[in-house]
Amino acid sequence: MMSNDAIDVGVCSIRELLHCPLRVPSYQRPYVWRTSNVLQLIEDIGHSAQFDPASDESRYRIGTVIAYRNEDGTSLDIVDGQQRVITLHLVLAALEACDGDMRLNIRDDEQSRRHLYENDRAIRQLLDSWEGKRRSRFAGRLLDGCEVLKIEVAKGHLPEAFQMFDSQNARGKELDPTDLLKAFHLRCMDADGVAESLKQQLVRRWELHQDEIQPLFGTYLYRIACWNRREKAKPGGLDSDSIAMFKGIDLPGRGNERQCAPWQYNFVAAWYANTGRTGGGSETSYAFQIDQPMINGEAFFRYAEHYRSLLRQQTMHDETPWKEICADIATFAHTWRYHYMIELFHTILLYYRDRFGDDDVADVARMAFLYAAYMRLSVRSLSFATVNNYVLGADRWGWNARVFEVIRYAYRGRDVLSHMARIARQPIEDSKDRELWNRYMMRNAGRAINDDGVSSSEDVLSLLIDTLRQRGLLEKIRREKQQSGIEGHDVFSALYEDGLIVHEKKGGWRYGLQAEKGDGHMPEEWVTKEEWVKRIDNILNQGKGQ
């Protein structure tokens, strides 16, 4: 616990706060407040002025600032509250109400500069529309009628300052959980003696890819961590109550590996053995695994960059070979109703690649598509509760749908493929979602073709006709035509409508099977419609597909 002499808590006016030697340290995130946040703060301050601007009765509390007296003792590092403090400086600068002692040392990065410029312009446009007396009254109200709860932590107690920061933001939901993780692991880098230049390098890379980092942890890595342990994931994804799963082993410093607990030793020794520093940089050949305990500090940032790169390959869909491997799922990437299906596909693929590499990845992608598409097609309205139940094999889905558990405990990638091929699925009736249904049926038929080792066009037709029978479409045709038999022409039409038979115009319309094998397309064979109908009639007359 922190002693009373290590913390000073008090309420101070904005004038008193801004006369402190405040600094935004390198571990803080960029300045990201939007114009709407800034204008809302100005409006709230204006509406709060009910009495004399400086009277105690009308004091307006605008938040908490946690500051740490840094090691040189000359300045206060803002641990929490930097967005509001920077904005207050912008407002007072526009009002020309800053005196020489009101200075703030802030970080310089592209994202912060952009928001500073946009917000400064919006503030000045608003204040320029006010007449002189209103501007003067507002400046007085802001400096002497507004206050903050200021918590100053003495030097040597930075971990306690961050604990207060974590607690403050966990209650207020002010920061994204990845910001809390970043702050925690930066603190661990201090304890491990990582150079300031390396910390800044890792933070810049993190912030450059912030838009990818948030879904990486919030959606993909979080769900993998839950599902492979047969735990339900939260609909909102990673939150401040769940970030402990991305905290783990504190490094003891090189040469002190034996100070670790026995279960930690191998992980720590491997990290130090595979990490070599030259100058201010760092290079590592450390082999990350999603299932292993997290190593705090620098390793966490390397871990994030490793998995961000892997996920980006899949989700961008524009590089060879991923453009072809992810072609099935990419078709639906920009439609909201498929977002759970798409996320499930990429989560499976990411977890498989993490454990087994990219061997057989095209086959895994096809099986992952069938697995995710079946979930989407099986329900009219897909909620996240259904996603959880499906992945965890609850209720109607059956235990063998637990793909994440299988990946976690499999020794070979082929074992995962074999399991996914055996997952029992009830036939899907005719769906209104024609595009997804057709693609699913085509890929499912392709799987049957590969599993049965068939290659001739008649064998393929037999399997496709059996697929129609399993879906009940042959019975449906019988009822509609009020006849006991089925003609090849009717089956051809059903296959053609479902996209399993395609056509081209070469000296007249010719038709071919649009089915795929694992090692490429079926041999092309373009024939007339009459020839296909004759082949189908032969199959039906032999009793196949009835």
Protein backbone atom coordinates (compact mmCIF):
# COMPACT_ATOMS: atom_id res chain seq x y z
CA MET A 1 0.00 0.00 0.00
CA MET A 2 1.02 3.57 -0.56
CA SER A 3 1.86 5.65 2.52
CA ASN A 4 0.07 8.91 3.20
CA ASP A 5 3.24 10.92 2.59
CA ALA A 6 3.54 9.46 -0.93
CA ILE A 7 0.25 10.94 -2.13
CA ASP A 8 -1.20 14.42 -1.97
CA VAL A 9 -4.91 14.74 -2.77
CA GLY A 10 -6.64 18.08 -3.04
CA VAL A 11 -9.04 20.22 -5.01
CA CYS A 12 -7.49 23.06 -6.98
CA SER A 13 -8.69 25.64 -9.47
CA ILE A 14 -7.75 25.42 -13.12
CA ARG A 15 -5.48 28.45 -12.61
CA GLU A 16 -3.61 26.63 -9.84
CA LEU A 17 -3.43 23.41 -11.85
CA LEU A 18 -2.01 25.04 -14.96
CA HIS A 19 0.67 26.83 -12.99
CA CYS A 20 2.12 23.42 -12.07
CA PRO A 21 5.09 22.18 -14.15
CA LEU A 22 3.00 19.63 -16.09
CA ARG A 23 4.39 17.26 -18.70
CA VAL A 24 2.83 14.57 -20.93
CA PRO A 25 5.21 11.55 -20.69
CA SER A 26 6.11 9.32 -23.62
CA TYR A 27 3.99 6.41 -22.42
CA GLN A 28 0.78 8.41 -22.79
CA ARG A 29 -1.43 7.88 -25.80
CA PRO A 30 -1.72 10.72 -28.37
CA TYR A 31 -4.06 13.67 -27.96
CA VAL A 32 -7.23 12.30 -29.56
CA TRP A 33 -10.12 14.48 -28.39
CA ARG A 34 -12.42 15.37 -31.26
CA THR A 35 -13.96 18.76 -31.97
CA SER A 36 -17.28 17.55 -30.54
CA ASN A 37 -15.58 16.73 -27.19
CA VAL A 38 -13.96 20.17 -27.03
CA LEU A 39 -17.09 22.15 -27.87
CA GLN A 40 -19.11 20.09 -25.38
CA LEU A 41 -16.62 20.97 -22.62
CA ILE A 42 -16.88 24.68 -23.45
CA GLU A 43 -20.68 24.47 -23.44
CA ASP A 44 -20.72 22.66 -20.08
CA ILE A 45 -18.45 25.29 -18.50
CA GLY A 46 -20.64 28.08 -19.86
CA HIS A 47 -23.86 26.53 -18.54
CA SER A 48 -22.32 25.97 -15.11
CA ALA A 49 -21.91 29.72 -14.40
CA GLN A 50 -24.93 30.49 -12.21
CA PHE A 51 -23.39 32.90 -9.72
CA ASP A 52 -20.27 35.02 -9.50
CA PRO A 53 -17.58 33.22 -11.51
CA ALA A 54 -15.22 32.87 -8.53
CA SER A 55 -17.77 32.07 -5.78
CA ASP A 56 -17.53 28.73 -4.00
CA GLU A 57 -21.22 27.99 -4.56
CA SER A 58 -20.80 27.81 -8.31
CA ARG A 59 -17.52 25.88 -8.48
CA TYR A 60 -17.67 23.41 -11.39
CA ARG A 61 -15.70 20.16 -11.08
CA ILE A 62 -14.39 19.01 -14.46
CA GLY A 63 -12.66 15.77 -13.54
CA THR A 64 -9.60 14.27 -11.91
CA VAL A 65 -5.94 14.71 -12.77
CA ILE A 66 -3.41 12.13 -11.56
CA ALA A 67 0.18 13.39 -11.73
CA TYR A 68 3.48 11.75 -10.83
CA ARG A 69 6.48 13.70 -9.55
CA ASN A 70 9.12 12.37 -11.94
CA GLU A 71 12.57 11.23 -10.96
CA ASP A 72 14.34 14.56 -11.48
CA GLY A 73 11.73 16.22 -9.27
CA THR A 74 11.31 19.22 -11.59
CA SER A 75 8.03 18.37 -13.30
CA LEU A 76 4.77 16.45 -12.91
CA ASP A 77 4.01 13.68 -15.41
CA ILE A 78 0.30 13.50 -16.22
CA VAL A 79 -0.76 9.89 -15.66
CA ASP A 80 -4.48 10.55 -16.17
CA GLY A 81 -6.32 13.61 -17.46
CA GLN A 82 -4.04 14.72 -20.30
CA GLN A 83 -6.86 15.06 -22.87
CA ARG A 84 -8.70 17.57 -20.69
CA VAL A 85 -5.56 19.46 -19.61
CA ILE A 86 -4.36 19.95 -23.20
CA THR A 87 -7.82 21.15 -24.23
CA LEU A 88 -7.89 23.70 -21.40
CA HIS A 89 -4.57 25.09 -22.64
CA LEU A 90 -6.00 25.41 -26.18
CA VAL A 91 -9.07 27.28 -24.89
CA LEU A 92 -7.06 29.69 -22.73
CA ALA A 93 -4.58 30.31 -25.56
CA ALA A 94 -7.47 31.24 -27.85
CA LEU A 95 -8.79 33.59 -25.13
CA GLU A 96 -5.27 35.04 -24.73
CA ALA A 97 -5.60 34.25 -21.03
CA CYS A 98 -2.40 32.21 -20.54
CA ASP A 99 0.37 33.86 -18.59
CA GLY A 100 4.03 33.01 -18.85
CA ASP A 101 3.95 30.36 -16.13
CA MET A 102 1.20 28.32 -17.79
CA ARG A 103 3.27 25.93 -19.86
CA LEU A 104 2.71 22.35 -20.86
CA ASN A 105 5.35 20.03 -22.30
CA ILE A 106 3.49 17.65 -24.63
CA ARG A 107 4.56 14.83 -26.92
CA ASP A 108 5.00 15.46 -30.64
CA ASP A 109 3.38 12.94 -32.99
CA GLU A 110 1.32 13.13 -36.16
CA GLN A 111 -1.99 12.11 -34.59
CA SER A 112 -1.69 14.67 -31.78
CA ARG A 113 -0.70 17.46 -34.18
CA ARG A 114 -3.74 16.78 -36.36
CA HIS A 115 -6.19 16.93 -33.45
CA LEU A 116 -4.48 19.97 -31.97
CA TYR A 117 -4.84 21.84 -35.26
CA GLU A 118 -8.48 20.84 -35.80
CA ASN A 119 -9.54 21.63 -32.24
CA ASP A 120 -7.66 24.94 -32.10
CA ARG A 121 -9.39 26.07 -35.29
CA ALA A 122 -12.84 25.05 -33.96
CA ILE A 123 -12.24 26.82 -30.62
CA ARG A 124 -11.14 30.05 -32.28
CA GLN A 125 -14.09 30.03 -34.68
CA LEU A 126 -16.46 29.72 -31.73
CA LEU A 127 -14.78 32.28 -29.48
CA ASP A 128 -14.36 34.80 -32.30
CA SER A 129 -18.15 34.96 -32.49
CA TRP A 130 -18.37 36.14 -28.88
CA GLU A 131 -18.20 39.81 -27.91
CA GLY A 132 -15.40 40.99 -25.61
CA LYS A 133 -17.24 40.93 -22.26
CA ARG A 134 -18.46 37.37 -22.82
CA ARG A 135 -14.94 36.20 -23.59
CA SER A 136 -13.57 37.90 -20.47
CA ARG A 137 -16.30 36.45 -18.21
CA PHE A 138 -15.73 32.96 -19.63
CA ALA A 139 -11.96 33.15 -19.05
CA GLY A 140 -12.53 34.14 -15.42
CA ARG A 141 -15.07 31.38 -14.99
CA LEU A 142 -12.70 28.79 -16.43
CA LEU A 143 -9.62 29.84 -14.43
CA ASP A 144 -11.18 30.51 -11.04
CA GLY A 145 -14.69 29.00 -11.15
CA CYS A 146 -13.70 25.55 -12.39
CA GLU A 147 -11.72 22.99 -10.44
CA VAL A 148 -10.27 19.49 -10.60
CA LEU A 149 -9.44 16.84 -8.06
CA LYS A 150 -5.64 16.78 -8.24
CA ILE A 151 -3.86 13.62 -7.07
CA GLU A 152 -0.09 14.05 -6.90
CA VAL A 153 2.02 10.93 -6.38
CA ALA A 154 5.56 11.27 -5.02
CA LYS A 155 8.55 10.09 -7.04
CA GLY A 156 9.48 6.46 -6.55
CA HIS A 157 5.81 5.43 -6.48
CA LEU A 158 5.00 5.25 -10.21
CA PRO A 159 3.40 1.75 -9.98
CA GLU A 160 0.91 3.08 -7.43
CA ALA A 161 0.09 5.99 -9.72
CA PHE A 162 -0.72 3.55 -12.51
CA GLN A 163 -2.84 1.45 -10.18
CA MET A 164 -4.92 4.54 -9.47
CA PHE A 165 -5.06 5.23 -13.20
CA ASP A 166 -6.30 1.67 -13.94
CA SER A 167 -8.93 1.92 -11.22
CA GLN A 168 -10.10 5.37 -12.31
CA ASN A 169 -10.58 4.36 -15.93
CA ALA A 170 -12.06 0.95 -15.17
CA ARG A 171 -14.91 2.73 -13.39
CA GLY A 172 -15.35 5.55 -15.83
CA LYS A 173 -14.89 3.50 -19.06
CA GLU A 174 -12.93 6.45 -20.40
CA LEU A 175 -10.13 4.53 -22.11
CA ASP A 176 -10.08 1.60 -24.47
CA PRO A 177 -8.78 -1.56 -22.72
CA THR A 178 -5.80 -1.59 -25.06
CA ASP A 179 -4.77 1.81 -23.65
CA LEU A 180 -4.79 0.31 -20.17
CA LEU A 181 -2.68 -2.60 -21.41
CA LYS A 182 -0.24 -0.24 -23.08
CA ALA A 183 0.23 1.75 -19.89
CA PHE A 184 0.68 -1.41 -17.81
CA HIS A 185 3.33 -2.91 -20.07
CA LEU A 186 5.20 0.38 -20.41
CA ARG A 187 5.42 0.41 -16.64
CA CYS A 188 6.87 -3.12 -16.76
CA MET A 189 9.47 -1.97 -19.29
CA ASP A 190 10.66 0.61 -16.77
CA ALA A 191 11.12 -2.13 -14.19
CA ASP A 192 13.10 -4.24 -16.69
CA GLY A 193 15.43 -1.34 -17.53
CA VAL A 194 14.43 -0.95 -21.19
CA ALA A 195 15.99 2.13 -22.79
CA GLU A 196 13.79 5.18 -23.32
CA SER A 197 14.56 5.22 -27.05
CA LEU A 198 13.28 1.65 -27.45
CA LYS A 199 10.14 2.42 -25.46
CA GLN A 200 9.38 5.36 -27.71
CA GLN A 201 9.99 3.23 -30.81
CA LEU A 202 7.56 0.54 -29.62
CA VAL A 203 4.93 3.09 -28.60
CA ARG A 204 5.13 4.90 -31.96
CA ARG A 205 4.60 1.63 -33.80
CA TRP A 206 1.68 0.74 -31.53
CA GLU A 207 -0.01 4.10 -32.08
CA LEU A 208 0.61 4.03 -35.82
CA HIS A 209 -1.51 0.86 -35.99
CA GLN A 210 -3.98 1.69 -33.22
CA ASP A 211 -6.97 1.06 -35.50
CA GLU A 212 -5.74 -2.52 -36.02
CA ILE A 213 -4.57 -3.10 -32.45
CA GLN A 214 -7.99 -2.51 -30.89
CA PRO A 215 -9.88 -5.19 -32.87
CA LEU A 216 -6.88 -7.54 -32.71
CA PHE A 217 -7.13 -7.70 -28.92
CA GLY A 218 -10.77 -6.68 -28.47
CA THR A 219 -12.16 -9.28 -30.85
CA TYR A 220 -9.74 -11.94 -32.09
CA LEU A 221 -7.16 -12.66 -29.38
CA TYR A 222 -9.74 -12.18 -26.64
CA ARG A 223 -12.19 -14.66 -28.18
CA ILE A 224 -9.45 -17.23 -28.79
CA ALA A 225 -8.39 -16.94 -25.14
CA CYS A 226 -11.99 -17.56 -24.02
CA TRP A 227 -13.11 -20.22 -26.49
CA ASN A 228 -10.07 -22.48 -26.29
CA ARG A 229 -10.77 -22.80 -22.56
CA ARG A 230 -14.50 -23.44 -23.12
CA GLU A 231 -15.46 -20.06 -21.66
CA LYS A 232 -18.04 -17.71 -23.12
CA ALA A 233 -16.73 -14.46 -24.58
CA LYS A 234 -18.47 -11.18 -23.74
CA PRO A 235 -20.55 -9.61 -26.55
CA GLY A 236 -18.64 -6.34 -26.21
CA GLY A 237 -15.26 -8.06 -26.43
CA LEU A 238 -12.26 -7.28 -24.27
CA ASP A 239 -13.00 -4.86 -21.41
CA SER A 240 -11.15 -3.54 -18.40
CA ASP A 241 -12.27 -6.53 -16.31
CA SER A 242 -10.74 -8.98 -18.80
CA ILE A 243 -7.36 -7.42 -19.53
CA ALA A 244 -5.65 -9.60 -16.91
CA MET A 245 -5.52 -12.37 -19.54
CA PHE A 246 -2.91 -10.24 -21.34
CA LYS A 247 -0.79 -9.70 -18.25
CA GLY A 248 1.59 -12.32 -16.97
CA ILE A 249 5.25 -12.81 -16.11
CA ASP A 250 7.37 -9.93 -14.78
CA LEU A 251 10.92 -10.11 -16.10
CA PRO A 252 13.57 -10.25 -13.35
CA GLY A 253 16.42 -8.81 -15.46
CA ARG A 254 19.06 -10.67 -17.43
CA GLY A 255 21.06 -13.05 -15.29
CA ASN A 256 18.30 -13.29 -12.69
CA GLU A 257 16.20 -15.96 -14.40
CA ARG A 258 16.48 -18.29 -11.42
CA GLN A 259 14.50 -15.82 -9.35
CA CYS A 260 11.39 -16.80 -11.33
CA ALA A 261 8.93 -19.42 -10.24
CA PRO A 262 9.73 -22.82 -11.80
CA TRP A 263 6.81 -22.64 -14.27
CA GLN A 264 8.02 -19.21 -15.45
CA TYR A 265 11.69 -20.06 -15.92
CA ASN A 266 11.58 -21.59 -19.42
CA PHE A 267 9.53 -18.72 -20.83
CA VAL A 268 11.80 -16.06 -19.33
CA ALA A 269 15.00 -17.87 -20.35
CA ALA A 270 13.72 -18.30 -23.90
CA TRP A 271 12.83 -14.61 -24.15
CA TYR A 272 16.26 -13.44 -23.00
CA ALA A 273 18.02 -16.03 -25.17
CA ASN A 274 16.17 -14.94 -28.31
CA THR A 275 16.32 -11.20 -27.70
CA GLY A 276 19.48 -9.31 -28.52
CA ARG A 277 19.79 -5.56 -28.19
CA THR A 278 22.08 -3.39 -30.27
CA GLY A 279 22.12 0.33 -29.59
CA GLY A 280 18.63 1.64 -28.93
CA GLY A 281 16.83 -1.02 -30.92
CA SER A 282 15.85 -4.60 -30.37
CA GLU A 283 15.54 -7.65 -32.53
CA THR A 284 13.98 -10.92 -31.49
CA SER A 285 13.40 -14.33 -32.99
CA TYR A 286 11.18 -15.32 -30.09
CA ALA A 287 8.46 -17.80 -31.13
CA PHE A 288 5.18 -16.40 -29.87
CA GLN A 289 2.20 -18.66 -29.16
CA ILE A 290 -1.26 -17.43 -28.28
CA ASP A 291 -1.71 -20.15 -25.65
CA GLN A 292 1.45 -19.40 -23.67
CA PRO A 293 1.60 -17.05 -20.67
CA MET A 294 2.17 -13.39 -21.49
CA ILE A 295 5.60 -11.94 -20.74
CA ASN A 296 5.15 -8.39 -19.48
CA GLY A 297 6.88 -5.36 -20.95
CA GLU A 298 8.68 -5.31 -24.29
CA ALA A 299 7.52 -8.84 -25.17
CA PHE A 300 3.90 -7.69 -25.08
CA PHE A 301 4.51 -5.04 -27.75
CA ARG A 302 6.40 -7.56 -29.90
CA TYR A 303 3.53 -10.00 -29.39
CA ALA A 304 1.01 -7.38 -30.55
CA GLU A 305 3.00 -6.56 -33.68
CA HIS A 306 3.45 -10.25 -34.53
CA TYR A 307 -0.27 -11.03 -34.44
CA ARG A 308 -1.28 -7.74 -36.03
CA SER A 309 0.85 -8.68 -39.03
CA LEU A 310 -0.62 -12.20 -39.23
CA LEU A 311 -4.20 -10.96 -39.03
CA ARG A 312 -3.61 -8.21 -41.56
CA GLN A 313 -2.48 -10.77 -44.16
CA GLN A 314 -5.82 -12.53 -43.87
CA THR A 315 -8.20 -9.59 -43.60
CA MET A 316 -6.78 -7.41 -46.36
CA HIS A 317 -7.63 -10.06 -48.99
CA ASP A 318 -5.38 -8.38 -51.55
CA GLU A 319 -2.08 -10.28 -51.41
CA THR A 320 -1.08 -13.59 -52.93
CA PRO A 321 -1.96 -16.23 -51.79
CA TRP A 322 -4.50 -14.73 -49.37
CA LYS A 323 -6.61 -13.20 -52.11
CA GLU A 324 -7.50 -16.69 -53.30
CA ILE A 325 -7.48 -18.42 -49.91
CA CYS A 326 -9.95 -15.93 -48.42
CA ALA A 327 -12.02 -15.44 -51.59
CA ASP A 328 -15.12 -17.13 -50.17
CA ILE A 329 -15.34 -14.94 -47.09
CA ALA A 330 -14.16 -11.73 -48.81
CA THR A 331 -17.34 -11.70 -50.91
CA PHE A 332 -19.34 -10.86 -47.77
CA ALA A 333 -16.80 -8.58 -46.06
CA HIS A 334 -18.72 -5.32 -46.51
CA THR A 335 -22.18 -6.45 -45.34
CA TRP A 336 -22.93 -6.00 -41.63
CA ARG A 337 -25.19 -9.05 -41.22
CA TYR A 338 -22.17 -11.28 -41.90
CA HIS A 339 -19.77 -9.69 -39.42
CA TYR A 340 -19.97 -12.50 -36.83
CA MET A 341 -19.44 -15.07 -39.59
CA ILE A 342 -16.41 -13.20 -40.95
CA GLU A 343 -14.88 -12.68 -37.51
CA LEU A 344 -15.32 -16.38 -36.69
CA PHE A 345 -13.65 -17.38 -39.97
CA HIS A 346 -10.60 -15.18 -39.35
CA THR A 347 -10.38 -16.15 -35.68
CA ILE A 348 -10.17 -19.85 -36.59
CA LEU A 349 -7.62 -19.19 -39.32
CA LEU A 350 -5.46 -17.01 -37.05
CA TYR A 351 -5.45 -19.58 -34.26
CA TYR A 352 -4.61 -22.44 -36.63
CA ARG A 353 -1.76 -20.50 -38.25
CA ASP A 354 -0.39 -19.55 -34.84
CA ARG A 355 -0.14 -23.21 -33.82
CA PHE A 356 0.69 -25.00 -37.09
CA GLY A 357 1.92 -22.36 -39.55
CA ASP A 358 0.66 -22.00 -43.11
CA ASP A 359 0.80 -25.66 -44.14
CA ASP A 360 -2.61 -26.75 -45.50
CA VAL A 361 -3.90 -23.23 -44.87
CA ALA A 362 -6.05 -23.25 -48.05
CA ASP A 363 -7.84 -26.40 -46.85
CA VAL A 364 -8.26 -24.92 -43.38
CA ALA A 365 -9.73 -21.74 -44.89
CA ARG A 366 -12.30 -23.77 -46.84
CA MET A 367 -13.28 -25.73 -43.73
CA ALA A 368 -13.41 -22.54 -41.66
CA PHE A 369 -15.71 -20.97 -44.27
CA LEU A 370 -18.06 -23.99 -44.16
CA TYR A 371 -18.03 -23.88 -40.35
CA ALA A 372 -18.79 -20.14 -40.12
CA ALA A 373 -21.26 -20.07 -43.04
CA TYR A 374 -23.25 -22.97 -41.59
CA MET A 375 -23.71 -20.96 -38.38
CA ARG A 376 -24.97 -17.93 -40.34
CA LEU A 377 -27.34 -19.98 -42.53
CA SER A 378 -28.77 -22.04 -39.67
CA VAL A 379 -30.50 -19.15 -37.89
CA ARG A 380 -32.65 -16.32 -39.12
CA SER A 381 -31.21 -13.75 -36.70
CA LEU A 382 -27.66 -14.31 -35.43
CA SER A 383 -26.87 -12.97 -31.95
CA PHE A 384 -23.53 -13.18 -30.19
CA ALA A 385 -25.09 -15.55 -27.65
CA THR A 386 -25.69 -17.95 -30.55
CA VAL A 387 -22.06 -17.55 -31.67
CA ASN A 388 -20.89 -18.50 -28.17
CA ASN A 389 -23.20 -21.54 -28.06
CA TYR A 390 -22.13 -22.66 -31.52
CA VAL A 391 -18.40 -22.42 -30.84
CA LEU A 392 -18.69 -24.08 -27.42
CA GLY A 393 -20.84 -26.91 -28.78
CA ALA A 394 -23.88 -26.12 -26.64
CA ASP A 395 -27.46 -27.28 -27.14
CA ARG A 396 -28.30 -28.10 -30.75
CA TRP A 397 -24.78 -27.84 -32.12
CA GLY A 398 -23.13 -30.78 -30.41
CA TRP A 399 -19.75 -31.24 -28.74
CA ASN A 400 -17.84 -31.88 -31.96
CA ALA A 401 -18.29 -28.26 -33.07
CA ARG A 402 -15.62 -27.13 -30.54
CA VAL A 403 -13.00 -26.21 -33.11
CA PHE A 404 -10.95 -23.95 -30.80
CA GLU A 405 -10.59 -26.65 -28.20
CA VAL A 406 -9.49 -29.08 -30.93
CA ILE A 407 -6.85 -26.66 -32.24
CA ARG A 408 -5.49 -26.10 -28.74
CA TYR A 409 -4.91 -29.79 -28.03
CA ALA A 410 -4.09 -31.12 -31.52
CA TYR A 411 -0.52 -32.25 -32.25
CA ARG A 412 -0.78 -31.93 -36.04
CA GLY A 413 -2.61 -29.60 -38.37
CA ARG A 414 -4.03 -32.56 -40.28
CA ASP A 415 -5.77 -33.68 -37.09
CA VAL A 416 -7.63 -30.36 -37.03
CA LEU A 417 -8.64 -30.74 -40.67
CA SER A 418 -9.80 -34.29 -40.07
CA HIS A 419 -11.94 -33.20 -37.13
CA MET A 420 -13.51 -30.29 -39.00
CA ALA A 421 -14.37 -32.59 -41.91
CA ARG A 422 -16.29 -34.87 -39.51
CA ILE A 423 -18.38 -32.15 -37.86
CA ALA A 424 -21.98 -33.26 -38.28
CA ARG A 425 -24.26 -30.73 -39.93
CA GLN A 426 -27.96 -31.09 -40.57
CA PRO A 427 -28.95 -30.38 -44.20
CA ILE A 428 -29.81 -26.72 -44.71
CA GLU A 429 -33.17 -26.14 -46.35
CA ASP A 430 -33.59 -23.67 -49.17
CA SER A 431 -32.47 -20.27 -47.88
CA LYS A 432 -33.42 -16.73 -48.80
CA ASP A 433 -29.75 -15.86 -48.52
CA ARG A 434 -29.07 -17.18 -51.99
CA GLU A 435 -25.53 -15.93 -52.45
CA LEU A 436 -24.17 -17.40 -49.22
CA TRP A 437 -26.25 -20.56 -49.58
CA ASN A 438 -25.04 -21.25 -53.10
CA ARG A 439 -21.41 -20.69 -52.14
CA TYR A 440 -21.79 -22.89 -49.08
CA MET A 441 -23.40 -25.71 -51.08
CA MET A 442 -20.71 -25.48 -53.74
CA ARG A 443 -17.89 -25.72 -51.17
CA ASN A 444 -19.69 -28.48 -49.29
CA ALA A 445 -20.09 -30.49 -52.49
CA GLY A 446 -16.40 -29.92 -53.19
CA ARG A 447 -15.57 -31.41 -49.82
CA ALA A 448 -17.65 -34.51 -50.59
CA ILE A 449 -15.90 -34.87 -53.93
CA ASN A 450 -12.48 -34.78 -52.25
CA ASP A 451 -13.48 -37.10 -49.42
CA ASP A 452 -14.89 -39.74 -51.79
CA GLY A 453 -11.99 -39.54 -54.22
CA VAL A 454 -14.21 -39.13 -57.29
CA SER A 455 -13.11 -37.43 -60.45
CA SER A 456 -15.43 -38.24 -63.36
CA SER A 457 -18.22 -35.85 -64.28
CA GLU A 458 -20.84 -38.56 -63.65
CA ASP A 459 -19.47 -39.20 -60.14
CA VAL A 460 -19.57 -35.49 -59.43
CA LEU A 461 -23.12 -35.26 -60.75
CA SER A 462 -24.15 -38.15 -58.53
CA LEU A 463 -22.87 -36.33 -55.45
CA LEU A 464 -24.52 -33.07 -56.45
CA ILE A 465 -27.84 -34.84 -57.04
CA ASP A 466 -27.52 -36.54 -53.65
CA THR A 467 -26.99 -33.07 -52.16
CA LEU A 468 -30.24 -31.91 -53.77
CA ARG A 469 -32.00 -34.94 -52.36
CA GLN A 470 -30.67 -34.32 -48.84
CA ARG A 471 -31.98 -30.76 -49.00
CA GLY A 472 -35.40 -32.06 -50.01
CA LEU A 473 -35.41 -30.23 -53.32
CA LEU A 474 -36.13 -33.33 -55.39
CA GLU A 475 -39.20 -34.02 -53.30
CA LYS A 476 -40.18 -30.37 -53.69
CA ILE A 477 -39.92 -30.68 -57.48
CA ARG A 478 -42.06 -33.82 -57.39
CA ARG A 479 -44.78 -32.09 -55.42
CA GLU A 480 -44.76 -29.02 -57.63
CA LYS A 481 -44.94 -31.06 -60.83
CA GLN A 482 -47.38 -33.60 -59.30
CA GLN A 483 -45.43 -36.55 -60.66
CA SER A 484 -43.62 -39.52 -59.18
CA GLY A 485 -40.50 -39.33 -61.31
CA ILE A 486 -37.90 -36.64 -61.79
CA GLU A 487 -36.58 -35.70 -65.20
CA GLY A 488 -32.98 -34.74 -65.87
CA HIS A 489 -34.16 -31.37 -67.14
CA ASP A 490 -35.65 -30.50 -63.71
CA VAL A 491 -32.49 -31.50 -61.85
CA PHE A 492 -30.33 -29.60 -64.32
CA SER A 493 -32.42 -26.46 -63.65
CA ALA A 494 -32.02 -26.85 -59.89
CA LEU A 495 -28.25 -27.31 -60.18
CA TYR A 496 -28.00 -24.40 -62.58
CA GLU A 497 -29.98 -22.06 -60.31
CA ASP A 498 -27.76 -22.98 -57.38
CA GLY A 499 -24.62 -22.07 -59.33
CA LEU A 500 -23.29 -25.63 -59.44
CA ILE A 501 -23.54 -25.71 -63.22
CA VAL A 502 -22.21 -22.70 -65.10
CA HIS A 503 -22.21 -21.76 -68.74
CA GLU A 504 -20.14 -20.07 -71.40
CA LYS A 505 -20.88 -19.07 -74.97
CA LYS A 506 -18.54 -20.70 -77.45
CA GLY A 507 -20.31 -21.25 -80.73
CA GLY A 508 -23.54 -21.68 -78.78
CA TRP A 509 -24.22 -22.09 -75.05
CA ARG A 510 -22.19 -24.80 -73.34
CA TYR A 511 -22.27 -25.89 -69.71
CA GLY A 512 -19.78 -27.16 -67.12
CA LEU A 513 -19.59 -28.19 -63.45
CA GLN A 514 -18.49 -25.45 -61.06
CA ALA A 515 -17.03 -27.69 -58.35
CA GLU A 516 -13.54 -27.48 -56.88
CA LYS A 517 -11.08 -30.04 -55.63
CA GLY A 518 -8.54 -29.37 -52.92
CA ASP A 519 -5.70 -29.18 -55.45
CA GLY A 520 -7.48 -26.92 -57.95
CA HIS A 521 -10.49 -26.80 -60.25
CA MET A 522 -12.14 -29.89 -61.68
CA PRO A 523 -11.08 -30.56 -65.29
CA GLU A 524 -13.17 -28.31 -67.48
CA GLU A 525 -15.67 -30.13 -69.66
CA TRP A 526 -18.04 -27.96 -71.64
CA VAL A 527 -21.02 -29.80 -73.20
CA THR A 528 -24.48 -28.90 -74.42
CA LYS A 529 -27.44 -28.69 -72.09
CA GLU A 530 -28.95 -31.72 -73.79
CA GLU A 531 -25.84 -33.78 -73.00
CA TRP A 532 -26.02 -32.83 -69.30
CA VAL A 533 -29.71 -33.67 -69.16
CA LYS A 534 -28.99 -37.07 -70.75
CA ARG A 535 -26.28 -37.81 -68.16
CA ILE A 536 -28.57 -36.81 -65.33
CA ASP A 537 -31.37 -38.99 -66.71
CA ASN A 538 -28.95 -41.94 -66.77
CA ILE A 539 -28.08 -41.38 -63.10
CA LEU A 540 -31.74 -41.09 -62.12
CA ASN A 541 -32.67 -44.19 -64.11
CA GLN A 542 -29.91 -46.12 -62.32
CA GLY A 543 -31.55 -45.25 -59.01
CA LYS A 544 -28.92 -42.72 -57.92
CA GLY A 545 -30.04 -39.49 -56.32
CA GLN A 546 -33.62 -40.69 -55.82
